[in-house]
Structures are given as structure tokens and as C-alpha cells.
Amino acid sequence: MSNPRRLSATGDAERRAAMPTWRTRGGAVVGIVPLRTVGGGPIDVVGVGGPTRAVASFLLVLVVGTAIRYRWGDVLDRSVEATVERPARGTIYGVAAVVFGWLMVAYAFAQAFRLGTALGTAAVALGTAGALVVVAAGFVVVGTTVVTILDRGWAWAGPFVGAAISGLAWLALPFGPGLAVWLLLAAVGVGGPARRWVHASQSVERAVDG
């Protein structure tokens, strides 16, 4: 009869091996999902159930969305305008921004771990929190865009709709496809503002060079 603890350990090892990682010169291993617990061990994100991930995502987006709507409502409205203006092109910009941003964060993690484990752990916590806030903001833009397209005029419903969409992605799909859809939907919300920012920067450069 097989030992359950041995099977569990084997499963954990297989999940860790499946995650993209690389080793820094200092020996620290940095992964694409660099989440850590208070005790310093990696969080088993893959092993967490879909409903738990859905609730966590819903609450994250709802909290971030409420703060954005209350403090930066005008910025949110402009982001929605940018998203509706060119949705297909904005999605491309969003995917590029999410991929590039996550690679930059992972590279920063690797450099921080070279300076020490404590600094690396702090960088992982701060960087992961920042990345999650950006993703949550993307869902807030998506939810507010949906409300705007439906022409309901419910300004404060946007964060709730975005939170519901983010939770459904985790609830309806297993981890791999759920993560892909979750990031893709967030990229839709990030892409519009990113596209405007890129083109605005180019316009400023041309004006300076001219």
C-alpha cells in the first residue's frame, strides 16, 4: 500500500518542477510565480482549490476597484475611453505590457536574491503585491467598460462587475487555463491606457525632436 505522505510529496515536487524557474549566482531559485508565505516557504498556488482562488481574486479586485473609483475616478473613466476606442489593438498592447512587466519583476527578484535572502523575500512580497494590484486594476477597467457599454450609468458597479469576472475565470477553469484567461482579461483593461501612454510618449518625443 502506498504511503499518502510520499505521494503528496511526489505531487508537490512535480508541480514545482513544472513551474518555470532559474537559479541565480547566489544559489536562490526564482520562479514565475514567486509567492511566499510568512514562514518563507512557497505558496502552493496550484494546489489551492478553484473556489478559494475565485474568492481571493474577487475580494482583491473589489478592494482595489473601490479605491480606484473613490480616489481616481477620472483616471478610470479615461482608461475606459481608451479601452473602448481601440479594443483589439489595446488588447495587444495589454498582453505585451503584462508579459514585459512580469519578466521585469522576475528579473528584479533574481537581482534582489543575489544581495541576500531577506532582501529577496521582501522584494518578492512587494513585487508580487504590485503586480496583483496592476492586474486587479485591469479587471476594474474591464468591469467598468462592461457597465459603460450596457449604458446603465452605475459608476460604482464597475469594480463589482470586474471582481465577478475575475472570480469566474478561476471558478470555471483549472489552474493553467484559468491563469491564462485571468491574465488575458486583465490585459484587456491594461492595454487601452498602455496604448495611449505609448503614443503620448512618442508624440512628446517627436515634438521635442522637432
N, C-alpha and C. Protein backbone atom coordinates (compact mmCIF):
# COMPACT_ATOMS: atom_id res chain seq x y z
N MET A 1 0.84 -1.20 0.00
CA MET A 1 0.00 0.00 0.00
C MET A 1 0.88 1.26 0.00
N SER A 2 0.56 2.22 -0.84
CA SER A 2 1.38 3.41 -0.99
C SER A 2 1.22 4.34 0.20
N ASN A 3 2.29 5.04 0.51
CA ASN A 3 2.28 6.00 1.60
C ASN A 3 1.69 7.32 1.11
N PRO A 4 0.60 7.81 1.73
CA PRO A 4 -0.02 9.07 1.27
C PRO A 4 0.93 10.25 1.35
N ARG A 5 1.78 10.28 2.40
CA ARG A 5 2.70 11.40 2.53
C ARG A 5 3.72 11.40 1.39
N ARG A 6 4.16 10.18 1.00
CA ARG A 6 5.13 10.09 -0.10
C ARG A 6 4.49 10.52 -1.40
N LEU A 7 3.22 10.11 -1.61
CA LEU A 7 2.52 10.52 -2.83
C LEU A 7 2.32 12.03 -2.86
N SER A 8 1.98 12.62 -1.70
CA SER A 8 1.78 14.06 -1.65
C SER A 8 3.08 14.80 -1.94
N ALA A 9 4.18 14.31 -1.34
CA ALA A 9 5.47 14.94 -1.59
C ALA A 9 5.87 14.83 -3.05
N THR A 10 5.58 13.67 -3.66
CA THR A 10 5.89 13.49 -5.07
C THR A 10 5.10 14.44 -5.94
N GLY A 11 3.81 14.61 -5.61
CA GLY A 11 2.96 15.53 -6.36
C GLY A 11 3.44 16.97 -6.24
N ASP A 12 3.86 17.37 -5.01
CA ASP A 12 4.36 18.72 -4.81
C ASP A 12 5.63 18.95 -5.62
N ALA A 13 6.51 17.92 -5.64
CA ALA A 13 7.75 18.05 -6.39
C ALA A 13 7.48 18.19 -7.88
N GLU A 14 6.50 17.43 -8.38
CA GLU A 14 6.17 17.51 -9.80
C GLU A 14 5.60 18.88 -10.15
N ARG A 15 4.74 19.46 -9.28
CA ARG A 15 4.20 20.78 -9.56
C ARG A 15 5.28 21.84 -9.54
N ARG A 16 6.22 21.73 -8.59
CA ARG A 16 7.30 22.71 -8.54
C ARG A 16 8.19 22.59 -9.76
N ALA A 17 8.44 21.36 -10.21
CA ALA A 17 9.28 21.16 -11.39
C ALA A 17 8.64 21.70 -12.64
N ALA A 18 7.30 21.73 -12.68
CA ALA A 18 6.60 22.21 -13.86
C ALA A 18 6.59 23.72 -13.96
N MET A 19 6.88 24.43 -12.87
CA MET A 19 6.89 25.89 -12.89
C MET A 19 8.22 26.39 -13.43
N PRO A 20 8.22 27.39 -14.34
CA PRO A 20 9.45 27.95 -14.89
C PRO A 20 10.27 28.61 -13.80
N THR A 21 11.53 28.19 -13.65
CA THR A 21 12.41 28.77 -12.64
C THR A 21 13.81 28.89 -13.20
N TRP A 22 14.64 29.68 -12.55
CA TRP A 22 16.05 29.70 -12.86
C TRP A 22 16.81 30.00 -11.60
N ARG A 23 18.09 29.63 -11.59
CA ARG A 23 18.91 29.77 -10.38
C ARG A 23 19.86 30.96 -10.56
N THR A 24 19.92 31.81 -9.55
CA THR A 24 20.82 32.96 -9.59
C THR A 24 22.22 32.52 -9.19
N ARG A 25 23.18 33.44 -9.31
CA ARG A 25 24.56 33.11 -8.93
C ARG A 25 24.67 32.81 -7.45
N GLY A 26 23.82 33.41 -6.66
CA GLY A 26 23.86 33.16 -5.23
C GLY A 26 23.20 31.86 -4.82
N GLY A 27 22.62 31.14 -5.78
CA GLY A 27 22.01 29.85 -5.47
C GLY A 27 20.52 29.90 -5.24
N ALA A 28 19.93 31.09 -5.20
CA ALA A 28 18.49 31.19 -4.97
C ALA A 28 17.73 30.87 -6.24
N VAL A 29 16.61 30.19 -6.07
CA VAL A 29 15.78 29.83 -7.20
C VAL A 29 14.60 30.77 -7.27
N VAL A 30 14.40 31.39 -8.43
CA VAL A 30 13.32 32.34 -8.63
C VAL A 30 12.37 31.76 -9.66
N GLY A 31 11.07 31.82 -9.38
CA GLY A 31 10.08 31.27 -10.29
C GLY A 31 9.17 32.33 -10.85
N ILE A 32 8.37 31.93 -11.85
CA ILE A 32 7.43 32.84 -12.46
C ILE A 32 6.27 33.14 -11.51
N VAL A 33 6.03 32.27 -10.52
CA VAL A 33 5.00 32.52 -9.52
C VAL A 33 5.70 32.65 -8.16
N PRO A 34 6.35 33.83 -7.89
CA PRO A 34 7.21 33.95 -6.72
C PRO A 34 6.46 34.35 -5.46
N LEU A 35 5.38 33.65 -5.12
CA LEU A 35 4.64 33.96 -3.90
C LEU A 35 5.23 33.19 -2.73
N ARG A 36 5.21 33.82 -1.55
CA ARG A 36 5.76 33.16 -0.37
C ARG A 36 4.85 33.37 0.81
N THR A 37 4.91 32.42 1.75
CA THR A 37 4.15 32.55 2.98
C THR A 37 4.96 33.36 3.98
N VAL A 38 4.36 33.63 5.15
CA VAL A 38 5.06 34.37 6.19
C VAL A 38 6.27 33.59 6.66
N GLY A 39 6.16 32.26 6.66
CA GLY A 39 7.26 31.43 7.11
C GLY A 39 8.38 31.31 6.11
N GLY A 40 8.21 31.79 4.89
CA GLY A 40 9.29 31.78 3.93
C GLY A 40 9.17 30.69 2.89
N GLY A 41 8.24 29.75 3.02
CA GLY A 41 8.10 28.69 2.04
C GLY A 41 7.19 29.11 0.93
N PRO A 42 7.31 28.48 -0.26
CA PRO A 42 6.47 28.87 -1.39
C PRO A 42 5.02 28.47 -1.17
N ILE A 43 4.09 29.33 -1.58
CA ILE A 43 2.67 29.03 -1.51
C ILE A 43 2.31 28.06 -2.62
N ASP A 44 1.57 27.02 -2.31
CA ASP A 44 1.16 26.04 -3.30
C ASP A 44 -0.07 26.59 -4.02
N VAL A 45 0.15 27.52 -4.97
CA VAL A 45 -0.95 28.15 -5.67
C VAL A 45 -1.70 27.12 -6.51
N VAL A 46 -0.97 26.17 -7.09
CA VAL A 46 -1.60 25.17 -7.94
C VAL A 46 -2.53 24.29 -7.13
N GLY A 47 -2.14 23.96 -5.89
CA GLY A 47 -2.93 23.05 -5.08
C GLY A 47 -4.15 23.69 -4.45
N VAL A 48 -4.22 25.02 -4.45
CA VAL A 48 -5.39 25.70 -3.87
C VAL A 48 -6.60 25.47 -4.76
N GLY A 49 -7.76 25.22 -4.16
CA GLY A 49 -8.96 24.95 -4.92
C GLY A 49 -9.44 26.15 -5.71
N GLY A 50 -10.16 25.87 -6.80
CA GLY A 50 -10.70 26.94 -7.64
C GLY A 50 -11.58 27.92 -6.89
N PRO A 51 -12.51 27.45 -6.03
CA PRO A 51 -13.34 28.40 -5.28
C PRO A 51 -12.53 29.34 -4.40
N THR A 52 -11.46 28.84 -3.80
CA THR A 52 -10.62 29.68 -2.95
C THR A 52 -9.93 30.76 -3.78
N ARG A 53 -9.38 30.36 -4.94
CA ARG A 53 -8.75 31.34 -5.82
C ARG A 53 -9.77 32.36 -6.31
N ALA A 54 -10.99 31.89 -6.61
CA ALA A 54 -12.04 32.79 -7.10
C ALA A 54 -12.41 33.83 -6.05
N VAL A 55 -12.58 33.40 -4.81
CA VAL A 55 -12.94 34.34 -3.74
C VAL A 55 -11.81 35.34 -3.50
N ALA A 56 -10.57 34.85 -3.48
CA ALA A 56 -9.43 35.74 -3.27
C ALA A 56 -9.34 36.77 -4.39
N SER A 57 -9.53 36.33 -5.62
CA SER A 57 -9.47 37.25 -6.75
C SER A 57 -10.61 38.26 -6.69
N PHE A 58 -11.81 37.79 -6.36
CA PHE A 58 -12.97 38.68 -6.25
C PHE A 58 -12.72 39.78 -5.23
N LEU A 59 -12.24 39.40 -4.04
CA LEU A 59 -12.01 40.38 -2.98
C LEU A 59 -10.89 41.36 -3.36
N LEU A 60 -9.83 40.84 -3.98
CA LEU A 60 -8.72 41.70 -4.39
C LEU A 60 -9.19 42.77 -5.36
N VAL A 61 -9.90 42.35 -6.42
CA VAL A 61 -10.36 43.31 -7.43
C VAL A 61 -11.37 44.28 -6.83
N LEU A 62 -12.24 43.78 -5.96
CA LEU A 62 -13.25 44.65 -5.37
C LEU A 62 -12.62 45.74 -4.50
N VAL A 63 -11.63 45.36 -3.69
CA VAL A 63 -10.96 46.34 -2.83
C VAL A 63 -10.19 47.36 -3.66
N VAL A 64 -9.40 46.87 -4.63
CA VAL A 64 -8.63 47.78 -5.48
C VAL A 64 -9.57 48.66 -6.30
N GLY A 65 -10.64 48.07 -6.83
CA GLY A 65 -11.58 48.84 -7.64
C GLY A 65 -12.30 49.92 -6.86
N THR A 66 -12.67 49.62 -5.63
CA THR A 66 -13.33 50.61 -4.79
C THR A 66 -12.40 51.79 -4.52
N ALA A 67 -11.13 51.49 -4.25
CA ALA A 67 -10.16 52.55 -4.00
C ALA A 67 -9.94 53.40 -5.25
N ILE A 68 -9.85 52.75 -6.41
CA ILE A 68 -9.63 53.49 -7.65
C ILE A 68 -10.84 54.37 -7.97
N ARG A 69 -12.04 53.83 -7.85
CA ARG A 69 -13.24 54.60 -8.16
C ARG A 69 -13.38 55.79 -7.21
N TYR A 70 -13.02 55.60 -5.96
CA TYR A 70 -13.16 56.68 -4.97
C TYR A 70 -12.09 57.75 -5.16
N ARG A 71 -10.85 57.33 -5.39
CA ARG A 71 -9.72 58.28 -5.39
C ARG A 71 -9.36 58.75 -6.80
N TRP A 72 -9.44 57.88 -7.79
CA TRP A 72 -9.00 58.24 -9.14
C TRP A 72 -10.09 57.91 -10.16
N GLY A 73 -11.29 58.38 -9.89
CA GLY A 73 -12.41 58.11 -10.78
C GLY A 73 -12.22 58.66 -12.17
N ASP A 74 -11.59 59.85 -12.29
CA ASP A 74 -11.37 60.43 -13.61
C ASP A 74 -10.37 59.62 -14.42
N VAL A 75 -9.36 59.09 -13.75
CA VAL A 75 -8.38 58.24 -14.43
C VAL A 75 -9.06 56.96 -14.92
N LEU A 76 -9.94 56.41 -14.11
CA LEU A 76 -10.66 55.20 -14.51
C LEU A 76 -11.55 55.47 -15.72
N ASP A 77 -12.21 56.61 -15.74
CA ASP A 77 -13.06 56.95 -16.88
C ASP A 77 -12.25 57.10 -18.16
N ARG A 78 -11.08 57.72 -18.06
CA ARG A 78 -10.22 57.86 -19.25
C ARG A 78 -9.70 56.51 -19.70
N SER A 79 -9.43 55.61 -18.76
CA SER A 79 -8.97 54.27 -19.12
C SER A 79 -10.06 53.50 -19.86
N VAL A 80 -11.31 53.67 -19.44
CA VAL A 80 -12.42 53.03 -20.13
C VAL A 80 -12.56 53.58 -21.54
N GLU A 81 -12.42 54.90 -21.71
CA GLU A 81 -12.48 55.50 -23.04
C GLU A 81 -11.39 54.94 -23.94
N ALA A 82 -10.19 54.78 -23.41
CA ALA A 82 -9.09 54.23 -24.20
C ALA A 82 -9.34 52.78 -24.58
N THR A 83 -9.98 52.03 -23.69
CA THR A 83 -10.27 50.62 -23.97
C THR A 83 -11.33 50.49 -25.06
N VAL A 84 -12.37 51.30 -24.99
CA VAL A 84 -13.45 51.24 -25.97
C VAL A 84 -12.99 51.77 -27.32
N GLU A 85 -12.06 52.70 -27.31
CA GLU A 85 -11.60 53.36 -28.53
C GLU A 85 -11.02 52.37 -29.53
N ARG A 86 -10.11 51.54 -29.11
CA ARG A 86 -9.47 50.53 -29.98
C ARG A 86 -9.28 49.25 -29.19
N PRO A 87 -10.33 48.45 -29.01
CA PRO A 87 -10.24 47.27 -28.13
C PRO A 87 -9.25 46.21 -28.61
N ALA A 88 -9.24 45.93 -29.91
CA ALA A 88 -8.34 44.88 -30.41
C ALA A 88 -6.89 45.28 -30.26
N ARG A 89 -6.57 46.50 -30.68
CA ARG A 89 -5.18 46.96 -30.57
C ARG A 89 -4.80 47.13 -29.10
N GLY A 90 -5.74 47.58 -28.29
CA GLY A 90 -5.45 47.73 -26.87
C GLY A 90 -5.12 46.40 -26.21
N THR A 91 -5.80 45.33 -26.63
CA THR A 91 -5.52 44.01 -26.08
C THR A 91 -4.09 43.57 -26.38
N ILE A 92 -3.64 43.86 -27.60
CA ILE A 92 -2.26 43.52 -27.97
C ILE A 92 -1.27 44.27 -27.09
N TYR A 93 -1.53 45.56 -26.90
CA TYR A 93 -0.66 46.35 -26.01
C TYR A 93 -0.72 45.80 -24.59
N GLY A 94 -1.91 45.38 -24.16
CA GLY A 94 -2.05 44.86 -22.81
C GLY A 94 -1.29 43.58 -22.58
N VAL A 95 -1.39 42.66 -23.54
CA VAL A 95 -0.65 41.40 -23.42
C VAL A 95 0.85 41.67 -23.38
N ALA A 96 1.32 42.56 -24.25
CA ALA A 96 2.73 42.90 -24.26
C ALA A 96 3.15 43.53 -22.93
N ALA A 97 2.31 44.40 -22.39
CA ALA A 97 2.63 45.06 -21.13
C ALA A 97 2.68 44.07 -19.97
N VAL A 98 1.73 43.12 -19.94
CA VAL A 98 1.70 42.13 -18.86
C VAL A 98 2.92 41.22 -18.93
N VAL A 99 3.25 40.74 -20.14
CA VAL A 99 4.41 39.85 -20.30
C VAL A 99 5.70 40.58 -19.94
N PHE A 100 5.87 41.77 -20.51
CA PHE A 100 7.09 42.54 -20.25
C PHE A 100 7.20 42.91 -18.77
N GLY A 101 6.09 43.34 -18.20
CA GLY A 101 6.11 43.73 -16.79
C GLY A 101 6.45 42.58 -15.88
N TRP A 102 5.88 41.39 -16.15
CA TRP A 102 6.16 40.24 -15.29
C TRP A 102 7.61 39.77 -15.43
N LEU A 103 8.16 39.86 -16.65
CA LEU A 103 9.56 39.50 -16.84
C LEU A 103 10.48 40.46 -16.10
N MET A 104 10.13 41.73 -16.12
CA MET A 104 10.93 42.72 -15.39
C MET A 104 10.87 42.47 -13.89
N VAL A 105 9.70 42.14 -13.38
CA VAL A 105 9.56 41.85 -11.96
C VAL A 105 10.37 40.61 -11.58
N ALA A 106 10.29 39.57 -12.41
CA ALA A 106 11.04 38.34 -12.12
C ALA A 106 12.54 38.61 -12.17
N TYR A 107 12.99 39.43 -13.11
CA TYR A 107 14.41 39.77 -13.18
C TYR A 107 14.84 40.55 -11.92
N ALA A 108 13.98 41.47 -11.48
CA ALA A 108 14.29 42.22 -10.26
C ALA A 108 14.37 41.29 -9.05
N PHE A 109 13.50 40.27 -9.02
CA PHE A 109 13.56 39.29 -7.93
C PHE A 109 14.92 38.59 -7.92
N ALA A 110 15.36 38.17 -9.10
CA ALA A 110 16.63 37.45 -9.20
C ALA A 110 17.78 38.32 -8.72
N GLN A 111 17.78 39.60 -9.11
CA GLN A 111 18.85 40.50 -8.67
C GLN A 111 18.78 40.75 -7.17
N ALA A 112 17.58 40.85 -6.62
CA ALA A 112 17.44 41.08 -5.18
C ALA A 112 17.95 39.88 -4.38
N PHE A 113 17.69 38.66 -4.87
CA PHE A 113 18.15 37.47 -4.16
C PHE A 113 19.67 37.37 -4.17
N ARG A 114 20.31 37.98 -5.15
CA ARG A 114 21.77 37.97 -5.17
C ARG A 114 22.34 38.79 -4.02
N LEU A 115 21.57 39.77 -3.52
CA LEU A 115 22.02 40.62 -2.42
C LEU A 115 21.70 40.05 -1.05
N GLY A 116 20.92 38.98 -1.03
CA GLY A 116 20.59 38.36 0.26
C GLY A 116 19.18 37.81 0.27
N THR A 117 18.98 36.77 1.08
CA THR A 117 17.67 36.13 1.15
C THR A 117 16.60 37.05 1.71
N ALA A 118 16.95 37.82 2.76
CA ALA A 118 15.96 38.71 3.38
C ALA A 118 15.50 39.77 2.39
N LEU A 119 16.44 40.39 1.69
CA LEU A 119 16.09 41.40 0.71
C LEU A 119 15.30 40.79 -0.44
N GLY A 120 15.69 39.59 -0.84
CA GLY A 120 14.97 38.92 -1.91
C GLY A 120 13.54 38.60 -1.53
N THR A 121 13.35 38.15 -0.29
CA THR A 121 12.00 37.84 0.17
C THR A 121 11.14 39.10 0.23
N ALA A 122 11.73 40.21 0.71
CA ALA A 122 10.99 41.47 0.74
C ALA A 122 10.64 41.94 -0.66
N ALA A 123 11.58 41.77 -1.60
CA ALA A 123 11.32 42.16 -2.99
C ALA A 123 10.22 41.32 -3.60
N VAL A 124 10.20 40.02 -3.27
CA VAL A 124 9.14 39.14 -3.77
C VAL A 124 7.78 39.60 -3.27
N ALA A 125 7.71 39.92 -1.98
CA ALA A 125 6.43 40.35 -1.40
C ALA A 125 5.94 41.65 -2.03
N LEU A 126 6.83 42.64 -2.14
CA LEU A 126 6.44 43.94 -2.69
C LEU A 126 6.13 43.83 -4.18
N GLY A 127 6.98 43.12 -4.91
CA GLY A 127 6.77 42.99 -6.35
C GLY A 127 5.50 42.23 -6.69
N THR A 128 5.24 41.16 -5.95
CA THR A 128 4.03 40.38 -6.19
C THR A 128 2.79 41.20 -5.86
N ALA A 129 2.84 41.95 -4.75
CA ALA A 129 1.71 42.80 -4.39
C ALA A 129 1.45 43.85 -5.47
N GLY A 130 2.52 44.46 -5.97
CA GLY A 130 2.37 45.45 -7.02
C GLY A 130 1.79 44.87 -8.29
N ALA A 131 2.27 43.67 -8.68
CA ALA A 131 1.77 43.03 -9.89
C ALA A 131 0.29 42.68 -9.75
N LEU A 132 -0.11 42.20 -8.56
CA LEU A 132 -1.51 41.85 -8.35
C LEU A 132 -2.41 43.08 -8.38
N VAL A 133 -1.90 44.20 -7.88
CA VAL A 133 -2.70 45.44 -7.91
C VAL A 133 -2.90 45.89 -9.36
N VAL A 134 -1.86 45.78 -10.18
CA VAL A 134 -1.98 46.16 -11.60
C VAL A 134 -3.00 45.26 -12.31
N VAL A 135 -2.92 43.95 -12.05
CA VAL A 135 -3.87 43.02 -12.66
C VAL A 135 -5.29 43.34 -12.19
N ALA A 136 -5.44 43.61 -10.90
CA ALA A 136 -6.76 43.96 -10.37
C ALA A 136 -7.29 45.23 -11.02
N ALA A 137 -6.41 46.22 -11.23
CA ALA A 137 -6.83 47.45 -11.89
C ALA A 137 -7.31 47.17 -13.30
N GLY A 138 -6.66 46.21 -13.98
CA GLY A 138 -7.12 45.82 -15.31
C GLY A 138 -8.53 45.28 -15.29
N PHE A 139 -8.85 44.47 -14.31
CA PHE A 139 -10.21 43.94 -14.19
C PHE A 139 -11.22 45.04 -13.84
N VAL A 140 -10.79 46.02 -13.07
CA VAL A 140 -11.68 47.14 -12.75
C VAL A 140 -12.05 47.89 -14.03
N VAL A 141 -11.06 48.11 -14.91
CA VAL A 141 -11.32 48.77 -16.18
C VAL A 141 -12.26 47.92 -17.04
N VAL A 142 -12.03 46.61 -17.06
CA VAL A 142 -12.90 45.71 -17.83
C VAL A 142 -14.34 45.78 -17.32
N GLY A 143 -14.51 45.68 -16.01
CA GLY A 143 -15.84 45.72 -15.44
C GLY A 143 -16.54 47.05 -15.68
N THR A 144 -15.81 48.15 -15.53
CA THR A 144 -16.40 49.46 -15.78
C THR A 144 -16.74 49.64 -17.25
N THR A 145 -15.93 49.06 -18.13
CA THR A 145 -16.21 49.11 -19.57
C THR A 145 -17.51 48.38 -19.89
N VAL A 146 -17.70 47.21 -19.27
CA VAL A 146 -18.93 46.46 -19.49
C VAL A 146 -20.15 47.27 -19.05
N VAL A 147 -20.05 47.90 -17.89
CA VAL A 147 -21.16 48.73 -17.39
C VAL A 147 -21.40 49.90 -18.33
N THR A 148 -20.33 50.50 -18.84
CA THR A 148 -20.46 51.64 -19.75
C THR A 148 -21.12 51.23 -21.06
N ILE A 149 -20.72 50.08 -21.60
CA ILE A 149 -21.30 49.60 -22.86
C ILE A 149 -22.79 49.30 -22.68
N LEU A 150 -23.15 48.74 -21.53
CA LEU A 150 -24.56 48.47 -21.26
C LEU A 150 -25.35 49.75 -20.98
N ASP A 151 -24.63 50.85 -20.80
CA ASP A 151 -25.24 52.18 -20.61
C ASP A 151 -26.19 52.19 -19.41
N ARG A 152 -25.72 51.60 -18.30
CA ARG A 152 -26.54 51.58 -17.10
C ARG A 152 -26.31 52.79 -16.20
N GLY A 153 -25.16 53.41 -16.36
CA GLY A 153 -24.88 54.58 -15.54
C GLY A 153 -24.56 54.26 -14.10
N TRP A 154 -24.24 53.01 -13.82
CA TRP A 154 -23.91 52.62 -12.44
C TRP A 154 -22.40 52.74 -12.26
N ALA A 155 -21.93 53.90 -11.87
CA ALA A 155 -20.49 54.13 -11.79
C ALA A 155 -19.80 53.17 -10.83
N TRP A 156 -20.44 52.91 -9.68
CA TRP A 156 -19.81 52.07 -8.67
C TRP A 156 -20.01 50.58 -8.94
N ALA A 157 -20.76 50.23 -9.98
CA ALA A 157 -20.94 48.81 -10.32
C ALA A 157 -19.74 48.24 -11.06
N GLY A 158 -18.93 49.12 -11.66
CA GLY A 158 -17.77 48.65 -12.42
C GLY A 158 -16.83 47.76 -11.63
N PRO A 159 -16.38 48.20 -10.44
CA PRO A 159 -15.49 47.33 -9.65
C PRO A 159 -16.13 45.99 -9.30
N PHE A 160 -17.41 45.99 -9.00
CA PHE A 160 -18.09 44.73 -8.66
C PHE A 160 -18.15 43.80 -9.87
N VAL A 161 -18.48 44.34 -11.04
CA VAL A 161 -18.54 43.51 -12.25
C VAL A 161 -17.15 42.97 -12.59
N GLY A 162 -16.14 43.82 -12.47
CA GLY A 162 -14.78 43.36 -12.73
C GLY A 162 -14.36 42.27 -11.77
N ALA A 163 -14.72 42.41 -10.48
CA ALA A 163 -14.39 41.40 -9.48
C ALA A 163 -15.10 40.08 -9.79
N ALA A 164 -16.36 40.17 -10.24
CA ALA A 164 -17.10 38.96 -10.58
C ALA A 164 -16.48 38.24 -11.76
N ILE A 165 -16.05 39.00 -12.78
CA ILE A 165 -15.41 38.40 -13.95
C ILE A 165 -14.11 37.71 -13.56
N SER A 166 -13.32 38.36 -12.71
CA SER A 166 -12.05 37.77 -12.29
C SER A 166 -12.27 36.48 -11.51
N GLY A 167 -13.30 36.46 -10.68
CA GLY A 167 -13.59 35.24 -9.92
C GLY A 167 -14.08 34.10 -10.79
N LEU A 168 -14.89 34.42 -11.79
CA LEU A 168 -15.43 33.39 -12.68
C LEU A 168 -14.32 32.69 -13.45
N ALA A 169 -13.28 33.43 -13.82
CA ALA A 169 -12.18 32.82 -14.57
C ALA A 169 -11.54 31.68 -13.77
N TRP A 170 -11.38 31.88 -12.46
CA TRP A 170 -10.79 30.83 -11.61
C TRP A 170 -11.80 29.74 -11.27
N LEU A 171 -13.06 30.11 -11.18
CA LEU A 171 -14.08 29.16 -10.76
C LEU A 171 -14.42 28.17 -11.88
N ALA A 172 -14.38 28.64 -13.12
CA ALA A 172 -14.84 27.81 -14.24
C ALA A 172 -13.74 26.98 -14.87
N LEU A 173 -12.47 27.32 -14.60
CA LEU A 173 -11.37 26.66 -15.31
C LEU A 173 -10.33 26.11 -14.33
N PRO A 174 -9.60 25.06 -14.72
CA PRO A 174 -8.48 24.59 -13.89
C PRO A 174 -7.36 25.62 -13.88
N PHE A 175 -6.31 25.33 -13.11
CA PHE A 175 -5.31 26.35 -12.83
C PHE A 175 -4.66 26.92 -14.09
N GLY A 176 -4.14 26.07 -14.97
CA GLY A 176 -3.41 26.54 -16.15
C GLY A 176 -4.25 27.42 -17.07
N PRO A 177 -5.36 26.89 -17.60
CA PRO A 177 -6.22 27.73 -18.44
C PRO A 177 -6.80 28.91 -17.68
N GLY A 178 -7.12 28.71 -16.39
CA GLY A 178 -7.66 29.81 -15.60
C GLY A 178 -6.68 30.96 -15.48
N LEU A 179 -5.41 30.64 -15.25
CA LEU A 179 -4.39 31.68 -15.16
C LEU A 179 -4.24 32.42 -16.47
N ALA A 180 -4.25 31.67 -17.58
CA ALA A 180 -4.11 32.29 -18.90
C ALA A 180 -5.28 33.23 -19.19
N VAL A 181 -6.50 32.77 -18.93
CA VAL A 181 -7.68 33.61 -19.18
C VAL A 181 -7.69 34.80 -18.23
N TRP A 182 -7.31 34.57 -16.99
CA TRP A 182 -7.28 35.64 -15.98
C TRP A 182 -6.34 36.75 -16.41
N LEU A 183 -5.15 36.40 -16.86
CA LEU A 183 -4.18 37.41 -17.31
C LEU A 183 -4.63 38.08 -18.60
N LEU A 184 -5.25 37.30 -19.50
CA LEU A 184 -5.70 37.87 -20.77
C LEU A 184 -6.80 38.91 -20.53
N LEU A 185 -7.75 38.60 -19.66
CA LEU A 185 -8.81 39.55 -19.36
C LEU A 185 -8.25 40.81 -18.70
N ALA A 186 -7.30 40.63 -17.80
CA ALA A 186 -6.68 41.79 -17.17
C ALA A 186 -5.92 42.63 -18.20
N ALA A 187 -5.30 41.95 -19.18
CA ALA A 187 -4.56 42.66 -20.22
C ALA A 187 -5.48 43.55 -21.06
N VAL A 188 -6.72 43.12 -21.24
CA VAL A 188 -7.68 43.95 -21.98
C VAL A 188 -7.86 45.29 -21.28
N GLY A 189 -7.95 45.27 -19.95
CA GLY A 189 -8.12 46.51 -19.21
C GLY A 189 -6.87 47.34 -19.12
N VAL A 190 -5.71 46.69 -19.11
CA VAL A 190 -4.44 47.42 -19.03
C VAL A 190 -4.05 47.99 -20.38
N GLY A 191 -4.46 47.32 -21.47
CA GLY A 191 -3.98 47.67 -22.81
C GLY A 191 -4.36 49.05 -23.29
N GLY A 192 -5.61 49.47 -23.05
CA GLY A 192 -6.05 50.77 -23.52
C GLY A 192 -5.21 51.91 -22.95
N PRO A 193 -5.07 52.00 -21.63
CA PRO A 193 -4.21 53.04 -21.06
C PRO A 193 -2.76 52.91 -21.50
N ALA A 194 -2.26 51.67 -21.62
CA ALA A 194 -0.88 51.47 -22.07
C ALA A 194 -0.68 51.99 -23.48
N ARG A 195 -1.64 51.75 -24.37
CA ARG A 195 -1.54 52.22 -25.75
C ARG A 195 -1.50 53.74 -25.79
N ARG A 196 -2.39 54.38 -25.04
CA ARG A 196 -2.40 55.85 -25.01
C ARG A 196 -1.10 56.40 -24.45
N TRP A 197 -0.57 55.76 -23.43
CA TRP A 197 0.68 56.23 -22.83
C TRP A 197 1.83 56.13 -23.81
N VAL A 198 1.91 55.01 -24.54
CA VAL A 198 2.98 54.82 -25.52
C VAL A 198 2.90 55.88 -26.61
N HIS A 199 1.71 56.08 -27.16
CA HIS A 199 1.56 57.06 -28.23
C HIS A 199 1.76 58.49 -27.74
N ALA A 200 1.35 58.78 -26.52
CA ALA A 200 1.57 60.11 -25.96
C ALA A 200 3.07 60.36 -25.77
N SER A 201 3.81 59.34 -25.32
CA SER A 201 5.25 59.48 -25.15
C SER A 201 5.92 59.72 -26.50
N GLN A 202 5.47 59.00 -27.54
CA GLN A 202 6.05 59.18 -28.87
C GLN A 202 5.77 60.57 -29.40
N SER A 203 4.57 61.09 -29.13
CA SER A 203 4.22 62.44 -29.58
C SER A 203 5.10 63.48 -28.91
N VAL A 204 5.36 63.31 -27.62
CA VAL A 204 6.23 64.23 -26.89
C VAL A 204 7.64 64.20 -27.46
N GLU A 205 8.13 62.99 -27.75
CA GLU A 205 9.48 62.86 -28.31
C GLU A 205 9.59 63.54 -29.67
N ARG A 206 8.57 63.36 -30.51
CA ARG A 206 8.58 64.00 -31.83
C ARG A 206 8.52 65.52 -31.69
N ALA A 207 7.75 66.00 -30.72
CA ALA A 207 7.66 67.45 -30.52
C ALA A 207 9.00 68.02 -30.05
N VAL A 208 9.70 67.27 -29.17
CA VAL A 208 10.99 67.73 -28.68
C VAL A 208 12.04 67.70 -29.79
N ASP A 209 12.02 66.60 -30.58
CA ASP A 209 13.00 66.48 -31.67
C ASP A 209 12.74 67.51 -32.77
N GLY A 210 11.44 67.86 -32.95
CA GLY A 210 11.09 68.82 -33.99
C GLY A 210 11.46 70.23 -33.60
